Amino acid sequence: MSQEFVAKQMNLSRPTISAIESGQRKVTAQELDGFSKLYGISIEELMHGKKTETAEMEKFARAFSELSEIDKKEIMNLIDFKRRYKESLNG
């Protein structure tokens, strides 16, 4: 993503994004939350570069909540199908 795009999405100026990237400006908690949502990763991953199971679940939950009810039902059916398929293989 370009600085211009990120700035527009975050309602910040491009020079502000540049200053954040170069370490000349600190990020507020509100901005950190906004970056997390924009990039689709957890705040912990942004701050520490660590992907955790919790971060993956948060990413899934955020994406899932934005789907239509029909898409949610389809995904739940797929999850149920995969679970039953694994059970049939194991026994």
C-alpha atoms as a PDB file:
ATOM      1  CA  MET A   1       0.000   0.000   0.000  1.00  0.00           C
ATOM      2  CA  SER A   2       1.266   3.433  -0.832  1.00  0.00           C
ATOM      3  CA  GLN A   3       1.691   6.121   1.815  1.00  0.00           C
ATOM      4  CA  GLU A   4      -0.942   8.137  -0.015  1.00  0.00           C
ATOM      5  CA  PHE A   5      -3.463   5.277   0.153  1.00  0.00           C
ATOM      6  CA  VAL A   6      -2.747   4.555   3.827  1.00  0.00           C
ATOM      7  CA  ALA A   7      -2.960   8.250   4.698  1.00  0.00           C
ATOM      8  CA  LYS A   8      -6.335   8.555   3.000  1.00  0.00           C
ATOM      9  CA  GLN A   9      -7.696   5.415   4.688  1.00  0.00           C
ATOM     10  CA  MET A  10      -6.440   6.543   8.105  1.00  0.00           C
ATOM     11  CA  ASN A  11      -7.541  10.158   7.628  1.00  0.00           C
ATOM     12  CA  LEU A  12      -3.952  11.328   8.121  1.00  0.00           C
ATOM     13  CA  SER A  13      -1.573  13.274   5.908  1.00  0.00           C
ATOM     14  CA  ARG A  14       1.051  11.516   3.795  1.00  0.00           C
ATOM     15  CA  PRO A  15       3.874  13.319   5.663  1.00  0.00           C
ATOM     16  CA  THR A  16       2.428  11.973   8.924  1.00  0.00           C
ATOM     17  CA  ILE A  17       2.573   8.418   7.553  1.00  0.00           C
ATOM     18  CA  SER A  18       6.142   9.051   6.409  1.00  0.00           C
ATOM     19  CA  ALA A  19       7.108  10.345   9.868  1.00  0.00           C
ATOM     20  CA  ILE A  20       5.573   7.252  11.509  1.00  0.00           C
ATOM     21  CA  GLU A  21       7.411   4.915   9.122  1.00  0.00           C
ATOM     22  CA  SER A  22      10.748   6.647   9.745  1.00  0.00           C
ATOM     23  CA  GLY A  23      10.305   6.644  13.527  1.00  0.00           C
ATOM     24  CA  GLN A  24      10.127  10.443  13.748  1.00  0.00           C
ATOM     25  CA  ARG A  25       6.590  10.312  15.136  1.00  0.00           C
ATOM     26  CA  LYS A  26       4.957   7.959  17.624  1.00  0.00           C
ATOM     27  CA  VAL A  27       1.658   6.260  16.898  1.00  0.00           C
ATOM     28  CA  THR A  28      -1.375   6.874  19.098  1.00  0.00           C
ATOM     29  CA  ALA A  29      -3.454   3.988  20.409  1.00  0.00           C
ATOM     30  CA  GLN A  30      -6.294   5.030  18.098  1.00  0.00           C
ATOM     31  CA  GLU A  31      -3.947   5.050  15.095  1.00  0.00           C
ATOM     32  CA  LEU A  32      -2.531   1.672  16.086  1.00  0.00           C
ATOM     33  CA  ASP A  33      -6.057   0.275  16.124  1.00  0.00           C
ATOM     34  CA  GLY A  34      -6.687   1.821  12.708  1.00  0.00           C
ATOM     35  CA  PHE A  35      -3.501   0.327  11.236  1.00  0.00           C
ATOM     36  CA  SER A  36      -4.468  -3.052  12.674  1.00  0.00           C
ATOM     37  CA  LYS A  37      -7.819  -2.927  10.937  1.00  0.00           C
ATOM     38  CA  LEU A  38      -6.395  -1.540   7.688  1.00  0.00           C
ATOM     39  CA  TYR A  39      -3.718  -4.225   7.394  1.00  0.00           C
ATOM     40  CA  GLY A  40      -5.924  -6.988   8.805  1.00  0.00           C
ATOM     41  CA  ILE A  41      -3.450  -8.022  11.498  1.00  0.00           C
ATOM     42  CA  SER A  42      -3.430  -7.838  15.275  1.00  0.00           C
ATOM     43  CA  ILE A  43      -1.995  -4.935  17.221  1.00  0.00           C
ATOM     44  CA  GLU A  44       0.474  -7.366  18.793  1.00  0.00           C
ATOM     45  CA  GLU A  45       1.696  -8.399  15.368  1.00  0.00           C
ATOM     46  CA  LEU A  46       2.099  -4.736  14.372  1.00  0.00           C
ATOM     47  CA  MET A  47       4.048  -3.953  17.512  1.00  0.00           C
ATOM     48  CA  HIS A  48       6.125  -7.106  17.874  1.00  0.00           C
ATOM     49  CA  GLY A  49       5.947  -8.892  14.530  1.00  0.00           C
ATOM     50  CA  LYS A  50       4.524 -11.981  16.233  1.00  0.00           C
ATOM     51  CA  LYS A  51       1.708 -13.973  14.739  1.00  0.00           C
ATOM     52  CA  THR A  52      -0.256 -15.749  17.417  1.00  0.00           C
ATOM     53  CA  GLU A  53      -3.167 -18.136  17.269  1.00  0.00           C
ATOM     54  CA  THR A  54      -5.213 -15.428  18.928  1.00  0.00           C
ATOM     55  CA  ALA A  55      -4.204 -12.986  16.183  1.00  0.00           C
ATOM     56  CA  GLU A  56      -5.329 -15.455  13.536  1.00  0.00           C
ATOM     57  CA  MET A  57      -8.656 -15.912  15.315  1.00  0.00           C
ATOM     58  CA  GLU A  58      -9.133 -12.146  15.555  1.00  0.00           C
ATOM     59  CA  LYS A  59      -8.406 -11.797  11.844  1.00  0.00           C
ATOM     60  CA  PHE A  60     -10.903 -14.558  11.037  1.00  0.00           C
ATOM     61  CA  ALA A  61     -13.549 -13.060  13.331  1.00  0.00           C
ATOM     62  CA  ARG A  62     -13.109  -9.601  11.817  1.00  0.00           C
ATOM     63  CA  ALA A  63     -13.374 -10.939   8.248  1.00  0.00           C
ATOM     64  CA  PHE A  64     -16.266 -13.264   9.137  1.00  0.00           C
ATOM     65  CA  SER A  65     -18.277 -10.445  10.742  1.00  0.00           C
ATOM     66  CA  GLU A  66     -18.127  -8.458   7.506  1.00  0.00           C
ATOM     67  CA  LEU A  67     -19.713 -11.238   5.416  1.00  0.00           C
ATOM     68  CA  SER A  68     -23.342 -11.556   4.413  1.00  0.00           C
ATOM     69  CA  GLU A  69     -25.513 -14.007   6.334  1.00  0.00           C
ATOM     70  CA  ILE A  70     -25.535 -16.336   3.300  1.00  0.00           C
ATOM     71  CA  ASP A  71     -21.717 -16.340   3.147  1.00  0.00           C
ATOM     72  CA  LYS A  72     -21.475 -16.934   6.904  1.00  0.00           C
ATOM     73  CA  LYS A  73     -23.801 -19.942   6.614  1.00  0.00           C
ATOM     74  CA  GLU A  74     -21.773 -21.313   3.687  1.00  0.00           C
ATOM     75  CA  ILE A  75     -18.532 -21.042   5.653  1.00  0.00           C
ATOM     76  CA  MET A  76     -20.086 -22.680   8.713  1.00  0.00           C
ATOM     77  CA  ASN A  77     -21.303 -25.527   6.510  1.00  0.00           C
ATOM     78  CA  LEU A  78     -17.788 -25.942   5.113  1.00  0.00           C
ATOM     79  CA  ILE A  79     -16.315 -26.010   8.620  1.00  0.00           C
ATOM     80  CA  ASP A  80     -18.860 -28.628   9.667  1.00  0.00           C
ATOM     81  CA  PHE A  81     -18.131 -30.689   6.543  1.00  0.00           C
ATOM     82  CA  LYS A  82     -14.349 -30.566   7.191  1.00  0.00           C
ATOM     83  CA  ARG A  83     -14.847 -31.586  10.828  1.00  0.00           C
ATOM     84  CA  ARG A  84     -17.046 -34.543   9.875  1.00  0.00           C
ATOM     85  CA  TYR A  85     -14.619 -35.574   7.121  1.00  0.00           C
ATOM     86  CA  LYS A  86     -11.676 -35.593   9.553  1.00  0.00           C
ATOM     87  CA  GLU A  87     -13.706 -37.627  12.039  1.00  0.00           C
ATOM     88  CA  SER A  88     -14.526 -40.178   9.343  1.00  0.00           C
ATOM     89  CA  LEU A  89     -10.825 -40.583   8.551  1.00  0.00           C
ATOM     90  CA  ASN A  90      -9.903 -41.045  12.180  1.00  0.00           C
ATOM     91  CA  GLY A  91     -12.375 -43.528  12.967  1.00  0.00           C
END
